[in-house]
Protein backbone atom coordinates (compact mmCIF):
# COMPACT_ATOMS: atom_id res chain seq x y z
CA MET A 1 32.90 -42.31 7.44
CA ILE A 2 32.33 -43.86 10.87
CA ASN A 3 35.40 -42.09 12.26
CA ASP A 4 34.13 -38.75 10.89
CA VAL A 5 30.79 -39.25 12.65
CA THR A 6 32.57 -40.18 15.89
CA LYS A 7 34.62 -36.98 15.74
CA ILE A 8 31.37 -35.00 15.66
CA VAL A 9 29.15 -36.99 18.02
CA LEU A 10 31.83 -38.19 20.46
CA PRO A 11 34.87 -35.96 19.85
CA PHE A 12 36.57 -36.97 23.09
CA PHE A 13 36.74 -40.65 22.03
CA SER A 14 38.24 -40.12 18.58
CA THR A 15 41.98 -40.06 17.83
CA PRO A 16 42.93 -36.97 15.78
CA THR A 17 44.93 -37.63 12.63
CA ASN A 18 46.17 -34.05 12.18
CA TYR A 19 46.08 -30.62 13.80
CA ALA A 20 42.93 -29.67 11.90
CA ASP A 21 41.20 -32.58 13.66
CA VAL A 22 42.43 -31.27 17.00
CA LEU A 23 40.84 -27.87 16.33
CA LYS A 24 37.53 -29.41 15.24
CA GLN A 25 37.36 -31.76 18.20
CA LEU A 26 38.17 -28.96 20.63
CA ALA A 27 35.34 -26.90 19.11
CA MET A 28 32.88 -29.80 19.34
CA THR A 29 33.87 -30.53 22.94
CA ALA A 30 33.39 -26.84 23.78
CA LEU A 31 29.93 -26.98 22.21
CA TYR A 32 28.91 -29.92 24.42
CA GLU A 33 30.41 -28.41 27.57
CA VAL A 34 28.85 -24.97 27.13
CA TYR A 35 25.47 -26.47 26.19
CA PHE A 36 25.58 -28.56 29.38
CA LEU A 37 26.58 -25.52 31.44
CA THR A 38 23.67 -23.46 30.09
CA PHE A 39 21.31 -26.18 31.31
CA LEU A 40 22.78 -25.91 34.81
CA LEU A 41 22.83 -22.11 34.82
CA ARG A 42 19.19 -21.97 33.75
CA GLY A 43 18.42 -23.32 37.19
CA ILE A 44 19.02 -19.72 38.30
CA PRO A 45 15.71 -17.85 37.73
CA ARG A 46 17.30 -14.63 36.43
CA ILE A 47 19.35 -16.51 33.84
CA ASP A 48 16.40 -18.70 32.86
CA THR A 49 14.29 -15.58 32.28
CA LEU A 50 17.05 -14.12 30.10
CA PHE A 51 17.25 -17.30 28.03
CA LYS A 52 13.49 -17.22 27.45
CA VAL A 53 13.56 -13.70 25.98
CA GLY A 54 14.75 -14.82 22.53
CA PRO A 55 12.24 -17.64 22.00
CA SER A 56 9.42 -15.32 23.09
CA TRP A 57 9.92 -12.94 20.14
CA GLY A 58 7.96 -13.20 16.88
CA PRO A 59 6.79 -16.26 14.96
CA VAL A 60 10.16 -18.02 15.24
CA GLY A 61 10.04 -17.60 18.99
CA LYS A 62 6.53 -19.00 19.14
CA ALA A 63 7.60 -21.98 17.06
CA LEU A 64 10.50 -22.64 19.42
CA ALA A 65 8.56 -22.09 22.63
CA PRO A 66 7.20 -25.66 22.91
CA TYR A 67 10.76 -26.95 22.57
CA ASP A 68 12.26 -24.74 25.28
CA VAL A 69 12.93 -27.87 27.29
CA LEU A 70 15.62 -28.64 24.68
CA ASN A 71 17.27 -25.34 25.54
CA PRO A 72 17.49 -23.78 22.03
CA SER A 73 18.94 -20.54 23.46
CA GLY A 74 21.62 -22.53 25.23
CA ARG A 75 22.39 -24.34 21.99
CA LEU A 76 22.85 -21.00 20.25
CA VAL A 77 25.24 -19.81 22.97
CA ALA A 78 27.17 -23.10 22.72
CA ILE A 79 27.46 -22.80 18.93
CA ILE A 80 28.76 -19.24 19.23
CA VAL A 81 31.37 -20.24 21.84
CA ALA A 82 32.42 -23.27 19.76
CA ALA A 83 32.79 -21.08 16.66
CA LEU A 84 34.91 -18.57 18.59
CA THR A 85 36.99 -21.39 20.07
CA PHE A 86 37.69 -22.70 16.58
CA SER A 87 38.26 -19.32 14.92
CA PHE A 88 40.54 -17.82 17.55
CA ARG A 89 42.16 -21.09 18.70
CA PHE A 90 41.30 -20.52 22.33
CA HIS A 91 43.78 -23.15 23.54
CA ASP A 92 46.57 -21.24 21.78
CA ARG A 93 45.57 -17.99 23.46
CA VAL A 94 45.59 -19.70 26.88
CA SER A 95 48.91 -21.33 26.04
CA ASP A 96 50.42 -17.98 25.05
CA LEU A 97 49.12 -16.41 28.25
CA LEU A 98 50.59 -19.12 30.47
CA GLY A 99 53.66 -19.87 28.34
CA ILE A 100 52.71 -23.55 28.15
CA ARG A 101 53.70 -24.43 24.62
CA ARG A 102 56.76 -22.17 24.56
CA THR A 103 58.18 -23.77 27.71
CA PHE A 104 57.43 -27.27 26.44
CA ASP A 105 58.92 -26.65 22.99
CA ILE A 106 62.17 -25.35 24.44
CA LYS A 107 62.57 -27.79 27.34
CA HIS A 108 61.33 -31.02 25.77
CA ILE A 109 61.96 -30.58 22.04
CA LEU A 110 64.55 -28.00 20.99
CA ILE A 111 67.10 -28.41 23.78
CA PRO A 112 66.99 -32.25 23.61
CA LEU A 113 67.38 -31.98 19.82
CA LEU A 114 70.35 -29.65 20.24
CA ARG A 115 72.01 -31.91 22.77
CA GLY A 116 71.29 -34.94 20.62
CA VAL A 117 73.03 -33.57 17.52
CA ASP A 118 75.62 -31.45 19.35
CA PRO A 119 76.60 -32.85 22.78
CA ASP A 120 79.13 -30.03 23.23
CA ALA A 121 76.57 -27.24 22.91
CA ASN A 122 77.00 -24.60 25.61
CA GLU A 123 74.45 -22.50 27.52
CA GLU A 124 74.89 -19.58 25.14
CA LYS A 125 73.83 -21.75 22.23
CA GLU A 126 70.86 -23.03 24.22
CA ARG A 127 69.87 -19.43 24.89
CA ARG A 128 70.01 -18.63 21.16
CA VAL A 129 67.90 -21.70 20.42
CA ALA A 130 65.27 -20.51 22.90
CA GLN A 131 65.24 -17.06 21.29
CA HIS A 132 64.54 -18.56 17.85
CA ARG A 133 61.96 -21.05 19.05
CA ASP A 134 59.24 -20.37 16.46
CA GLU A 135 61.41 -20.63 13.35
CA LEU A 136 63.37 -23.58 14.71
CA MET A 137 60.24 -25.59 15.51
CA ARG A 138 59.27 -25.35 11.86
CA SER A 139 62.71 -26.17 10.44
CA VAL A 140 64.03 -28.83 12.82
CA TYR A 141 60.89 -30.46 14.25
CA TYR A 142 57.64 -30.00 12.31
CA LYS A 143 59.57 -30.69 9.12
CA TYR A 144 59.97 -34.30 10.29
CA THR A 145 56.76 -34.73 12.29
CA SER A 146 54.10 -33.45 9.89
CA SER A 147 50.82 -35.31 10.28
CA THR A 148 49.86 -34.44 6.70
CA ASP A 149 53.13 -35.46 5.01
CA PRO A 150 53.01 -39.14 4.00
CA SER A 151 56.82 -39.21 3.81
CA ALA A 152 57.41 -37.69 7.25
CA LEU A 153 60.39 -39.17 9.08
CA VAL A 154 58.49 -39.87 12.31
CA ASP A 155 55.98 -42.71 12.15
CA LYS A 156 52.41 -41.54 11.64
CA HIS A 157 51.20 -43.61 14.59
CA ASP A 158 53.62 -41.80 16.93
CA ILE A 159 52.46 -38.45 15.58
CA GLN A 160 48.79 -39.31 16.10
CA GLN A 161 49.44 -40.62 19.61
CA ALA A 162 51.10 -37.32 20.52
CA LEU A 163 48.21 -35.36 18.98
CA SER A 164 45.74 -37.41 21.01
CA VAL A 165 47.48 -36.65 24.30
CA TRP A 166 47.77 -32.96 23.42
CA LEU A 167 44.06 -32.93 22.52
CA SER A 168 43.14 -34.34 25.93
CA PHE A 169 45.36 -31.78 27.62
CA TRP A 170 43.78 -28.88 25.70
CA VAL A 171 40.26 -30.21 26.41
CA PHE A 172 40.98 -30.22 30.14
CA LEU A 173 42.64 -26.80 29.97
CA GLU A 174 39.77 -25.16 28.09
CA GLY A 175 37.28 -26.90 30.39
CA ILE A 176 38.93 -25.20 33.37
CA PHE A 177 37.98 -21.83 31.91
CA TYR A 178 34.46 -22.81 30.82
CA PHE A 179 33.50 -24.32 34.17
CA GLY A 180 35.40 -21.61 36.04
CA ALA A 181 33.51 -18.89 34.15
CA ALA A 182 30.20 -20.64 34.84
CA ALA A 183 31.12 -20.89 38.55
CA ALA A 184 31.85 -17.14 38.62
CA ILE A 185 28.51 -16.40 36.93
CA ALA A 186 26.65 -18.61 39.41
CA TRP A 187 28.37 -16.88 42.32
CA TRP A 188 27.56 -13.45 40.89
CA MET A 189 23.93 -14.55 40.51
CA LYS A 190 23.78 -15.50 44.19
CA SER A 191 23.76 -19.25 43.61
CA PRO A 192 26.63 -20.38 45.87
CA ASN A 193 25.81 -24.10 45.84
CA LEU A 194 25.95 -24.33 42.06
CA SER A 195 29.05 -22.15 42.07
CA ILE A 196 30.81 -24.52 44.47
CA VAL A 197 29.93 -27.55 42.32
CA LEU A 198 31.13 -25.90 39.11
CA GLY A 199 34.23 -24.60 40.86
CA GLY A 200 34.93 -28.13 42.10
CA ILE A 201 34.69 -29.48 38.56
CA SER A 202 37.03 -26.75 37.33
CA THR A 203 39.51 -27.68 40.07
CA ALA A 204 39.27 -31.36 39.11
CA LEU A 205 40.03 -30.41 35.52
CA ILE A 206 43.15 -28.59 36.72
CA ALA A 207 44.34 -31.83 38.31
CA LEU A 208 43.55 -33.80 35.14
CA ALA A 209 45.37 -31.24 32.98
CA ILE A 210 48.46 -31.46 35.21
CA LEU A 211 48.42 -35.27 35.05
CA GLN A 212 48.07 -35.17 31.27
CA ARG A 213 50.88 -32.62 31.06
CA PHE A 214 53.23 -35.12 32.71
CA ARG A 215 52.52 -37.61 29.90
CA LEU A 216 53.50 -35.27 27.07
CA PRO A 217 57.34 -35.44 27.29
CA LYS A 218 57.23 -39.19 26.66
CA TYR A 219 55.75 -38.63 23.21
CA SER A 220 58.03 -35.77 22.25
CA LYS A 221 61.06 -37.83 23.31
CA THR A 222 60.07 -40.61 20.91
CA GLN A 223 59.93 -38.12 18.05
CA VAL A 224 63.14 -36.31 19.01
CA ASP A 225 65.02 -39.62 19.24
CA LYS A 226 63.81 -40.58 15.77
CA ILE A 227 65.18 -37.33 14.32
CA VAL A 228 68.49 -37.53 16.20
CA ASN A 229 69.05 -41.17 15.17
CA ASP A 230 68.51 -40.50 11.47
CA PRO A 231 71.89 -39.51 9.91
CA THR A 232 70.46 -37.19 7.27
CA ALA A 233 67.98 -35.47 9.58
CA SER A 234 70.57 -35.19 12.34
CA TYR A 235 73.06 -33.56 9.97
CA ASP A 236 70.47 -31.07 8.68
CA VAL A 237 69.28 -30.21 12.19
CA LYS A 238 72.84 -29.61 13.43
CA LYS A 239 73.54 -27.46 10.41
CA ARG A 240 70.48 -25.36 11.22
CA PHE A 241 71.51 -24.98 14.87
CA ASP A 242 75.06 -24.02 13.85
CA ALA A 243 73.67 -21.23 11.66
CA LEU A 244 72.27 -19.39 14.70
């Protein structure tokens, strides 16, 4: 119960136990970030006027007007962005655009797995492995590293540690776009000082994302080694690679 509350109130300080947790915590982090950004952007008169339009309409608007200091319009924007982040898996879309997950899966998971079970594998076989990345990740990796399978080969603690590092990486990556977009809006609205500050934060998040990215191979190596060192799993994985 306490952990569930922490995931909602302080999503960045909670360790995800599965991929569904990662999605929820990314959405909650996006909600906080966007809500904070709307506060800053409302320092621009034109944006503040726009945000006051909604609360000024009808009886609901009049009821909300005294609470405008709590930024109800900004909360609505944040909820919409968080919902879209969750529904469309924004981090996946960014990853697809930049080739982040594909490159990582091939370089740090599939090729090490191939070399672990078949030291004599040649470049042609590595090329075929890269071409079948999606199906192979399911059959030779996720099969043994499922966070929801109590009998998964890889220890649950190792899986959760990897999920936690990936979560931090995705938080930083998404934050780059949120703060970058806010910086662009501030610049467009002729607020260069705010734009520079937000742009600086976005740049800092790029550095943090890069640093976090360097940590990821350590966790995938632990999982790959576990699969390679298990006789049954190693045999099944090699059999799957040989079928390419």
